[in-house]
Structure formats: C-alpha cells, structure tokens
Amino acid sequence: MINEIFSMNGYGLYVWASFIFTIICFVGLYFQIKLQLKKEQEKFKIKYFDLTKEETETLKKQETYREILAFTNISKI
C-alpha cells in the first residue's frame, strides 16, 4: 500500500521530485523575502528614526507613511 503511494505506477520519482523541488523553492523564496524585508526596515529606520517635530507632523498627515509607521517598533507617531 505504501509502496503504491510512493511509486504511483512508475511516476512517483517525477511527482515526488517535483514536490521536493517546489518546497525547496518556496523555502528559498521565503528566506530571500525575509532578508529583503530586514534590509528595507533598516533603510526605513535610518531615514525616519531621527525626525524633527515638524517632520513628524508632516508625516502624520500623509496616510502612506502613517500606515508604514504603524507597523514599526521605532515609530514616534
């Protein structure tokens, strides 16, 4: 019974290899995106961490920045 699942009438090698390849690609993509997110967060922190009061007030009025700053742990807004 188990052998039939793994062999799949002779196509098991191709099916399981494609599953493994897909999982490896997804895992690699996950780590690549995670690394890119960290880099972008660092850029964001460098650019917006030391804002003056006037700059902070200007950013509060801009919805895009307000949404971005709401999800960061360095937010002053």
N, C-alpha and C. Protein backbone atom coordinates (compact mmCIF):
# COMPACT_ATOMS: atom_id res chain seq x y z
N MET A 1 0.83 -1.19 0.00
CA MET A 1 0.00 0.00 0.00
C MET A 1 0.88 1.26 0.00
N ILE A 2 1.83 1.32 0.91
CA ILE A 2 2.72 2.48 0.98
C ILE A 2 3.59 2.57 -0.26
N ASN A 3 4.05 1.41 -0.75
CA ASN A 3 4.88 1.40 -1.96
C ASN A 3 4.12 1.94 -3.16
N GLU A 4 2.81 1.65 -3.22
CA GLU A 4 2.00 2.15 -4.33
C GLU A 4 1.89 3.68 -4.28
N ILE A 5 1.81 4.23 -3.08
CA ILE A 5 1.74 5.69 -2.93
C ILE A 5 3.04 6.32 -3.39
N PHE A 6 4.15 5.72 -3.01
CA PHE A 6 5.44 6.29 -3.39
C PHE A 6 5.78 6.06 -4.87
N SER A 7 5.39 4.91 -5.40
CA SER A 7 5.76 4.62 -6.79
C SER A 7 4.79 5.26 -7.79
N MET A 8 3.51 5.38 -7.46
CA MET A 8 2.48 5.98 -8.32
C MET A 8 2.54 5.44 -9.75
N ASN A 9 2.55 4.14 -9.85
CA ASN A 9 2.58 3.45 -11.15
C ASN A 9 3.78 3.88 -12.02
N GLY A 10 4.92 4.08 -11.39
CA GLY A 10 6.11 4.43 -12.14
C GLY A 10 6.38 5.92 -12.26
N TYR A 11 5.43 6.74 -11.86
CA TYR A 11 5.60 8.19 -11.97
C TYR A 11 6.00 8.84 -10.65
N GLY A 12 6.11 8.06 -9.62
CA GLY A 12 6.42 8.58 -8.29
C GLY A 12 7.71 9.37 -8.23
N LEU A 13 8.73 8.91 -8.92
CA LEU A 13 10.01 9.61 -8.92
C LEU A 13 9.83 11.05 -9.41
N TYR A 14 9.09 11.23 -10.48
CA TYR A 14 8.89 12.57 -11.04
C TYR A 14 7.98 13.42 -10.15
N VAL A 15 6.94 12.82 -9.63
CA VAL A 15 5.99 13.55 -8.78
C VAL A 15 6.66 14.00 -7.49
N TRP A 16 7.32 13.08 -6.80
CA TRP A 16 7.95 13.43 -5.53
C TRP A 16 9.13 14.39 -5.74
N ALA A 17 9.85 14.24 -6.83
CA ALA A 17 10.94 15.18 -7.13
C ALA A 17 10.38 16.58 -7.36
N SER A 18 9.26 16.67 -8.04
CA SER A 18 8.67 17.99 -8.28
C SER A 18 8.15 18.60 -6.97
N PHE A 19 7.58 17.78 -6.08
CA PHE A 19 7.15 18.29 -4.78
C PHE A 19 8.35 18.80 -3.98
N ILE A 20 9.41 18.05 -3.96
CA ILE A 20 10.61 18.46 -3.21
C ILE A 20 11.19 19.73 -3.80
N PHE A 21 11.27 19.80 -5.13
CA PHE A 21 11.78 21.00 -5.79
C PHE A 21 10.93 22.21 -5.45
N THR A 22 9.61 22.06 -5.46
CA THR A 22 8.71 23.16 -5.14
C THR A 22 8.88 23.61 -3.70
N ILE A 23 8.98 22.70 -2.78
CA ILE A 23 9.17 23.05 -1.37
C ILE A 23 10.49 23.77 -1.16
N ILE A 24 11.55 23.29 -1.81
CA ILE A 24 12.85 23.95 -1.69
C ILE A 24 12.78 25.37 -2.25
N CYS A 25 12.10 25.56 -3.37
CA CYS A 25 11.95 26.89 -3.95
C CYS A 25 11.16 27.81 -3.03
N PHE A 26 10.09 27.31 -2.44
CA PHE A 26 9.29 28.12 -1.53
C PHE A 26 10.08 28.53 -0.29
N VAL A 27 10.84 27.60 0.25
CA VAL A 27 11.66 27.91 1.43
C VAL A 27 12.73 28.95 1.08
N GLY A 28 13.37 28.76 -0.08
CA GLY A 28 14.37 29.73 -0.52
C GLY A 28 13.76 31.10 -0.75
N LEU A 29 12.59 31.15 -1.37
CA LEU A 29 11.91 32.42 -1.59
C LEU A 29 11.52 33.08 -0.28
N TYR A 30 11.07 32.29 0.68
CA TYR A 30 10.71 32.83 1.99
C TYR A 30 11.91 33.52 2.64
N PHE A 31 13.06 32.85 2.64
CA PHE A 31 14.23 33.44 3.28
C PHE A 31 14.75 34.64 2.50
N GLN A 32 14.63 34.62 1.19
CA GLN A 32 15.04 35.76 0.38
C GLN A 32 14.16 36.98 0.69
N ILE A 33 12.87 36.78 0.78
CA ILE A 33 11.95 37.88 1.09
C ILE A 33 12.19 38.37 2.51
N LYS A 34 12.43 37.46 3.43
CA LYS A 34 12.69 37.85 4.82
C LYS A 34 13.95 38.71 4.91
N LEU A 35 15.00 38.34 4.18
CA LEU A 35 16.24 39.11 4.16
C LEU A 35 16.01 40.49 3.54
N GLN A 36 15.26 40.55 2.46
CA GLN A 36 14.96 41.83 1.82
C GLN A 36 14.14 42.73 2.74
N LEU A 37 13.20 42.15 3.47
CA LEU A 37 12.41 42.92 4.42
C LEU A 37 13.29 43.54 5.50
N LYS A 38 14.22 42.77 6.02
CA LYS A 38 15.15 43.30 7.04
C LYS A 38 15.95 44.47 6.48
N LYS A 39 16.44 44.34 5.23
CA LYS A 39 17.20 45.42 4.62
C LYS A 39 16.34 46.67 4.47
N GLU A 40 15.10 46.51 4.03
CA GLU A 40 14.22 47.66 3.85
C GLU A 40 13.85 48.29 5.19
N GLN A 41 13.69 47.49 6.23
CA GLN A 41 13.41 48.04 7.55
C GLN A 41 14.59 48.85 8.06
N GLU A 42 15.80 48.39 7.80
CA GLU A 42 16.98 49.14 8.21
C GLU A 42 17.07 50.47 7.47
N LYS A 43 16.79 50.45 6.16
CA LYS A 43 16.78 51.70 5.40
C LYS A 43 15.74 52.66 5.96
N PHE A 44 14.56 52.13 6.27
CA PHE A 44 13.48 52.94 6.81
C PHE A 44 13.87 53.53 8.16
N LYS A 45 14.49 52.72 9.00
CA LYS A 45 14.89 53.18 10.32
C LYS A 45 15.93 54.30 10.21
N ILE A 46 16.88 54.14 9.30
CA ILE A 46 17.91 55.16 9.12
C ILE A 46 17.28 56.46 8.64
N LYS A 47 16.31 56.36 7.74
CA LYS A 47 15.72 57.56 7.15
C LYS A 47 14.75 58.27 8.09
N TYR A 48 13.98 57.53 8.88
CA TYR A 48 12.89 58.14 9.64
C TYR A 48 13.03 58.07 11.15
N PHE A 49 14.12 57.58 11.68
CA PHE A 49 14.23 57.44 13.13
C PHE A 49 14.44 58.78 13.82
N ASP A 50 15.29 59.61 13.30
CA ASP A 50 15.61 60.90 13.94
C ASP A 50 14.91 62.05 13.24
N LEU A 51 13.60 62.09 13.35
CA LEU A 51 12.83 63.16 12.72
C LEU A 51 12.62 64.31 13.70
N THR A 52 12.55 65.51 13.16
CA THR A 52 12.21 66.66 13.99
C THR A 52 10.70 66.68 14.20
N LYS A 53 10.26 67.54 15.09
CA LYS A 53 8.83 67.64 15.39
C LYS A 53 8.03 68.05 14.15
N GLU A 54 8.57 68.98 13.37
CA GLU A 54 7.87 69.45 12.17
C GLU A 54 7.77 68.33 11.12
N GLU A 55 8.84 67.58 10.96
CA GLU A 55 8.82 66.48 10.00
C GLU A 55 7.83 65.40 10.44
N THR A 56 7.77 65.16 11.73
CA THR A 56 6.83 64.17 12.25
C THR A 56 5.39 64.60 11.99
N GLU A 57 5.10 65.87 12.19
CA GLU A 57 3.75 66.38 11.94
C GLU A 57 3.39 66.28 10.47
N THR A 58 4.34 66.55 9.60
CA THR A 58 4.10 66.43 8.16
C THR A 58 3.80 64.98 7.79
N LEU A 59 4.53 64.05 8.36
CA LEU A 59 4.31 62.64 8.06
C LEU A 59 2.98 62.14 8.61
N LYS A 60 2.53 62.71 9.71
CA LYS A 60 1.24 62.29 10.27
C LYS A 60 0.11 62.57 9.29
N LYS A 61 0.27 63.60 8.49
CA LYS A 61 -0.77 63.98 7.53
C LYS A 61 -0.77 63.09 6.30
N GLN A 62 0.31 62.38 6.04
CA GLN A 62 0.41 61.53 4.86
C GLN A 62 0.02 60.11 5.23
N GLU A 63 -1.04 59.62 4.63
CA GLU A 63 -1.60 58.33 5.02
C GLU A 63 -0.63 57.17 4.78
N THR A 64 0.10 57.18 3.69
CA THR A 64 1.02 56.08 3.39
C THR A 64 2.05 55.93 4.48
N TYR A 65 2.66 57.03 4.88
CA TYR A 65 3.68 56.95 5.93
C TYR A 65 3.06 56.58 7.26
N ARG A 66 1.86 57.02 7.52
CA ARG A 66 1.19 56.68 8.77
C ARG A 66 0.97 55.18 8.85
N GLU A 67 0.57 54.57 7.73
CA GLU A 67 0.37 53.12 7.71
C GLU A 67 1.69 52.38 7.89
N ILE A 68 2.73 52.87 7.25
CA ILE A 68 4.04 52.22 7.38
C ILE A 68 4.54 52.35 8.81
N LEU A 69 4.45 53.53 9.36
CA LEU A 69 4.97 53.76 10.70
C LEU A 69 4.16 53.02 11.77
N ALA A 70 2.92 52.71 11.48
CA ALA A 70 2.09 52.00 12.46
C ALA A 70 2.60 50.58 12.70
N PHE A 71 3.31 50.01 11.73
CA PHE A 71 3.77 48.63 11.84
C PHE A 71 5.24 48.53 12.24
N THR A 72 5.86 49.63 12.59
CA THR A 72 7.26 49.57 13.00
C THR A 72 7.36 49.77 14.50
N ASN A 73 8.38 49.24 15.10
CA ASN A 73 8.57 49.39 16.54
C ASN A 73 9.39 50.62 16.87
N ILE A 74 9.76 51.42 15.87
CA ILE A 74 10.55 52.62 16.12
C ILE A 74 9.70 53.87 15.93
N SER A 75 8.42 53.69 15.78
CA SER A 75 7.53 54.79 15.45
C SER A 75 7.45 55.81 16.58
N LYS A 76 7.50 57.07 16.19
CA LYS A 76 7.30 58.17 17.14
C LYS A 76 5.91 58.77 16.94
N ILE A 77 5.20 58.30 15.93
CA ILE A 77 3.91 58.88 15.60
C ILE A 77 2.81 58.14 16.33
